[in-house]
Amino acid sequence: MTEKPRSFGAFWPYYLMAHRDPRCRALHFVGSTGATVGIVLTLVFLNPLWILAGLAFAYAMAWTGHFAIERNRPATFGNPFWSFAGDVRMYLLWLSGNLAPALAAAEKATGTELS
C-alpha cells in the first residue's frame, strides 16, 4: 500500500495481506487470546496489571510474527487504531470459522496471492 488508506474498508484488505503466512496469523491468535485472558483476569481480580500484561503479550506475539515470519512492518506503526480494529476483526472471523472467505476477498481486492 503506497498511500495511507482513507477508510477502514480500504485498509482491511491490505491488513489481511500483511498476515498472509498462517504462522503469523497463529501468533496473532495466541496473542489476542492472551489479551482476552488479561481482560478477564482484570475483571475477576480488579487489577489493571492483568490487562497490561495481556496487551504486552499480544503485541509481543504479533510483532514476532511480522518481524520474524512475514518480514514486514506491523500495521500498528502506521495505523494504530485501524490495526487494533483489524486484529479484533481477524480474531473474531477466525473464531467464527469465517476467515478463509475474508482472506480470499482480500487476495482478490489487492491482487496478492496468499502463501
C-alpha atoms as a PDB file:
ATOM      1  CA  MET A   1       0.000   0.000   0.000  1.00  0.00           C
ATOM      2  CA  THR A   2       1.680   3.182  -1.140  1.00  0.00           C
ATOM      3  CA  GLU A   3      -0.726   5.796   0.188  1.00  0.00           C
ATOM      4  CA  LYS A   4      -2.440   5.960   3.544  1.00  0.00           C
ATOM      5  CA  PRO A   5      -5.968   4.494   3.368  1.00  0.00           C
ATOM      6  CA  ARG A   6      -8.845   6.885   3.949  1.00  0.00           C
ATOM      7  CA  SER A   7     -11.206   4.323   5.481  1.00  0.00           C
ATOM      8  CA  PHE A   8     -11.089   1.083   7.402  1.00  0.00           C
ATOM      9  CA  GLY A   9     -12.725  -0.601   4.402  1.00  0.00           C
ATOM     10  CA  ALA A  10      -9.772   0.389   2.235  1.00  0.00           C
ATOM     11  CA  PHE A  11      -7.296  -0.606   4.964  1.00  0.00           C
ATOM     12  CA  TRP A  12      -8.796  -4.043   5.707  1.00  0.00           C
ATOM     13  CA  PRO A  13      -7.666  -5.985   2.582  1.00  0.00           C
ATOM     14  CA  TYR A  14      -4.099  -4.727   2.966  1.00  0.00           C
ATOM     15  CA  TYR A  15      -4.182  -5.542   6.653  1.00  0.00           C
ATOM     16  CA  LEU A  16      -5.123  -9.138   5.857  1.00  0.00           C
ATOM     17  CA  MET A  17      -2.434  -9.394   3.183  1.00  0.00           C
ATOM     18  CA  ALA A  18       0.138  -8.268   5.763  1.00  0.00           C
ATOM     19  CA  HIS A  19      -0.844 -11.505   7.551  1.00  0.00           C
ATOM     20  CA  ARG A  20      -0.510 -13.895   4.594  1.00  0.00           C
ATOM     21  CA  ASP A  21       1.516 -16.509   6.424  1.00  0.00           C
ATOM     22  CA  PRO A  22      -0.639 -18.751   8.623  1.00  0.00           C
ATOM     23  CA  ARG A  23       2.165 -18.867  11.220  1.00  0.00           C
ATOM     24  CA  CYS A  24       1.963 -15.091  11.622  1.00  0.00           C
ATOM     25  CA  ARG A  25      -1.816 -15.306  11.996  1.00  0.00           C
ATOM     26  CA  ALA A  26      -1.354 -18.097  14.558  1.00  0.00           C
ATOM     27  CA  LEU A  27       0.895 -15.850  16.641  1.00  0.00           C
ATOM     28  CA  HIS A  28      -1.725 -13.100  16.402  1.00  0.00           C
ATOM     29  CA  PHE A  29      -4.422 -15.508  17.571  1.00  0.00           C
ATOM     30  CA  VAL A  30      -2.289 -16.661  20.516  1.00  0.00           C
ATOM     31  CA  GLY A  31      -1.601 -13.035  21.397  1.00  0.00           C
ATOM     32  CA  SER A  32      -5.241 -11.992  21.054  1.00  0.00           C
ATOM     33  CA  THR A  33      -6.264 -14.887  23.267  1.00  0.00           C
ATOM     34  CA  GLY A  34      -3.698 -13.754  25.823  1.00  0.00           C
ATOM     35  CA  ALA A  35      -5.093 -10.214  25.698  1.00  0.00           C
ATOM     36  CA  THR A  36      -8.606 -11.588  26.189  1.00  0.00           C
ATOM     37  CA  VAL A  37      -7.428 -13.600  29.195  1.00  0.00           C
ATOM     38  CA  GLY A  38      -5.818 -10.432  30.545  1.00  0.00           C
ATOM     39  CA  ILE A  39      -9.134  -8.574  30.243  1.00  0.00           C
ATOM     40  CA  VAL A  40     -10.987 -11.378  32.028  1.00  0.00           C
ATOM     41  CA  LEU A  41      -8.395 -11.545  34.813  1.00  0.00           C
ATOM     42  CA  THR A  42      -8.588  -7.757  35.222  1.00  0.00           C
ATOM     43  CA  LEU A  43     -12.334  -8.050  35.755  1.00  0.00           C
ATOM     44  CA  VAL A  44     -12.041 -11.042  38.087  1.00  0.00           C
ATOM     45  CA  PHE A  45      -9.257  -9.677  40.278  1.00  0.00           C
ATOM     46  CA  LEU A  46      -9.948  -5.958  39.738  1.00  0.00           C
ATOM     47  CA  ASN A  47      -6.281  -5.490  38.967  1.00  0.00           C
ATOM     48  CA  PRO A  48      -5.443  -3.494  35.806  1.00  0.00           C
ATOM     49  CA  LEU A  49      -1.966  -5.014  35.634  1.00  0.00           C
ATOM     50  CA  TRP A  50      -3.527  -8.100  34.054  1.00  0.00           C
ATOM     51  CA  ILE A  51      -4.799  -6.133  31.057  1.00  0.00           C
ATOM     52  CA  LEU A  52      -1.389  -4.509  30.644  1.00  0.00           C
ATOM     53  CA  ALA A  53       0.264  -7.924  30.754  1.00  0.00           C
ATOM     54  CA  GLY A  54      -2.244  -9.283  28.247  1.00  0.00           C
ATOM     55  CA  LEU A  55      -1.691  -6.399  25.839  1.00  0.00           C
ATOM     56  CA  ALA A  56       2.096  -6.628  26.153  1.00  0.00           C
ATOM     57  CA  PHE A  57       1.874 -10.360  25.417  1.00  0.00           C
ATOM     58  CA  ALA A  58      -0.415  -9.750  22.429  1.00  0.00           C
ATOM     59  CA  TYR A  59       1.905  -7.181  20.886  1.00  0.00           C
ATOM     60  CA  ALA A  60       4.962  -9.359  21.520  1.00  0.00           C
ATOM     61  CA  MET A  61       3.309 -12.254  19.687  1.00  0.00           C
ATOM     62  CA  ALA A  62       2.069 -10.092  16.805  1.00  0.00           C
ATOM     63  CA  TRP A  63       5.338  -8.271  16.285  1.00  0.00           C
ATOM     64  CA  THR A  64       7.270 -11.540  16.402  1.00  0.00           C
ATOM     65  CA  GLY A  65       5.046 -12.755  13.575  1.00  0.00           C
ATOM     66  CA  HIS A  66       5.730  -9.671  11.500  1.00  0.00           C
ATOM     67  CA  PHE A  67       9.452  -9.300  12.090  1.00  0.00           C
ATOM     68  CA  ALA A  68      10.433 -12.993  12.154  1.00  0.00           C
ATOM     69  CA  ILE A  69       7.907 -14.591   9.781  1.00  0.00           C
ATOM     70  CA  GLU A  70       6.293 -12.064   7.442  1.00  0.00           C
ATOM     71  CA  ARG A  71       9.336  -9.794   7.456  1.00  0.00           C
ATOM     72  CA  ASN A  72       7.126  -6.741   7.207  1.00  0.00           C
ATOM     73  CA  ARG A  73       6.321  -3.724   9.333  1.00  0.00           C
ATOM     74  CA  PRO A  74       3.362  -4.127  11.719  1.00  0.00           C
ATOM     75  CA  ALA A  75       0.375  -2.008  10.687  1.00  0.00           C
ATOM     76  CA  THR A  76       0.270  -0.681  14.255  1.00  0.00           C
ATOM     77  CA  PHE A  77       3.125   1.679  13.406  1.00  0.00           C
ATOM     78  CA  GLY A  78       1.179   3.460  10.650  1.00  0.00           C
ATOM     79  CA  ASN A  79      -2.455   2.951  11.641  1.00  0.00           C
ATOM     80  CA  PRO A  80      -2.708   2.016  15.333  1.00  0.00           C
ATOM     81  CA  PHE A  81      -6.491   2.294  15.650  1.00  0.00           C
ATOM     82  CA  TRP A  82      -7.341   0.539  12.400  1.00  0.00           C
ATOM     83  CA  SER A  83      -4.705  -2.074  13.162  1.00  0.00           C
ATOM     84  CA  PHE A  84      -6.343  -2.805  16.509  1.00  0.00           C
ATOM     85  CA  ALA A  85      -9.758  -2.985  14.810  1.00  0.00           C
ATOM     86  CA  GLY A  86      -8.243  -5.277  12.167  1.00  0.00           C
ATOM     87  CA  ASP A  87      -6.795  -7.544  14.849  1.00  0.00           C
ATOM     88  CA  VAL A  88     -10.153  -7.808  16.574  1.00  0.00           C
ATOM     89  CA  ARG A  89     -11.975  -8.430  13.289  1.00  0.00           C
ATOM     90  CA  MET A  90      -9.453 -11.057  12.145  1.00  0.00           C
ATOM     91  CA  TYR A  91      -9.652 -12.787  15.539  1.00  0.00           C
ATOM     92  CA  LEU A  92     -13.464 -12.866  15.505  1.00  0.00           C
ATOM     93  CA  LEU A  93     -13.514 -14.156  11.916  1.00  0.00           C
ATOM     94  CA  TRP A  94     -11.071 -16.874  12.915  1.00  0.00           C
ATOM     95  CA  LEU A  95     -13.167 -17.842  15.958  1.00  0.00           C
ATOM     96  CA  SER A  96     -16.318 -17.996  13.828  1.00  0.00           C
ATOM     97  CA  GLY A  97     -14.628 -20.042  11.093  1.00  0.00           C
ATOM     98  CA  ASN A  98     -15.143 -17.276   8.518  1.00  0.00           C
ATOM     99  CA  LEU A  99     -11.583 -16.088   7.998  1.00  0.00           C
ATOM    100  CA  ALA A 100     -10.921 -18.029   4.768  1.00  0.00           C
ATOM    101  CA  PRO A 101     -13.537 -16.127   2.689  1.00  0.00           C
ATOM    102  CA  ALA A 102     -12.220 -12.796   4.014  1.00  0.00           C
ATOM    103  CA  LEU A 103      -8.661 -13.783   3.060  1.00  0.00           C
ATOM    104  CA  ALA A 104      -9.810 -14.811  -0.417  1.00  0.00           C
ATOM    105  CA  ALA A 105     -11.657 -11.498  -0.886  1.00  0.00           C
ATOM    106  CA  ALA A 106      -8.609  -9.542   0.294  1.00  0.00           C
ATOM    107  CA  GLU A 107      -6.388 -11.513  -2.080  1.00  0.00           C
ATOM    108  CA  LYS A 108      -8.692 -10.629  -4.962  1.00  0.00           C
ATOM    109  CA  ALA A 109      -9.017  -6.970  -3.919  1.00  0.00           C
ATOM    110  CA  THR A 110      -5.264  -6.448  -3.657  1.00  0.00           C
ATOM    111  CA  GLY A 111      -4.140  -8.748  -6.459  1.00  0.00           C
ATOM    112  CA  THR A 112      -1.867 -10.516  -3.977  1.00  0.00           C
ATOM    113  CA  GLU A 113      -1.608 -14.265  -3.545  1.00  0.00           C
ATOM    114  CA  LEU A 114      -1.651 -15.960  -0.162  1.00  0.00           C
ATOM    115  CA  SER A 115       1.332 -18.103   0.750  1.00  0.00           C
END
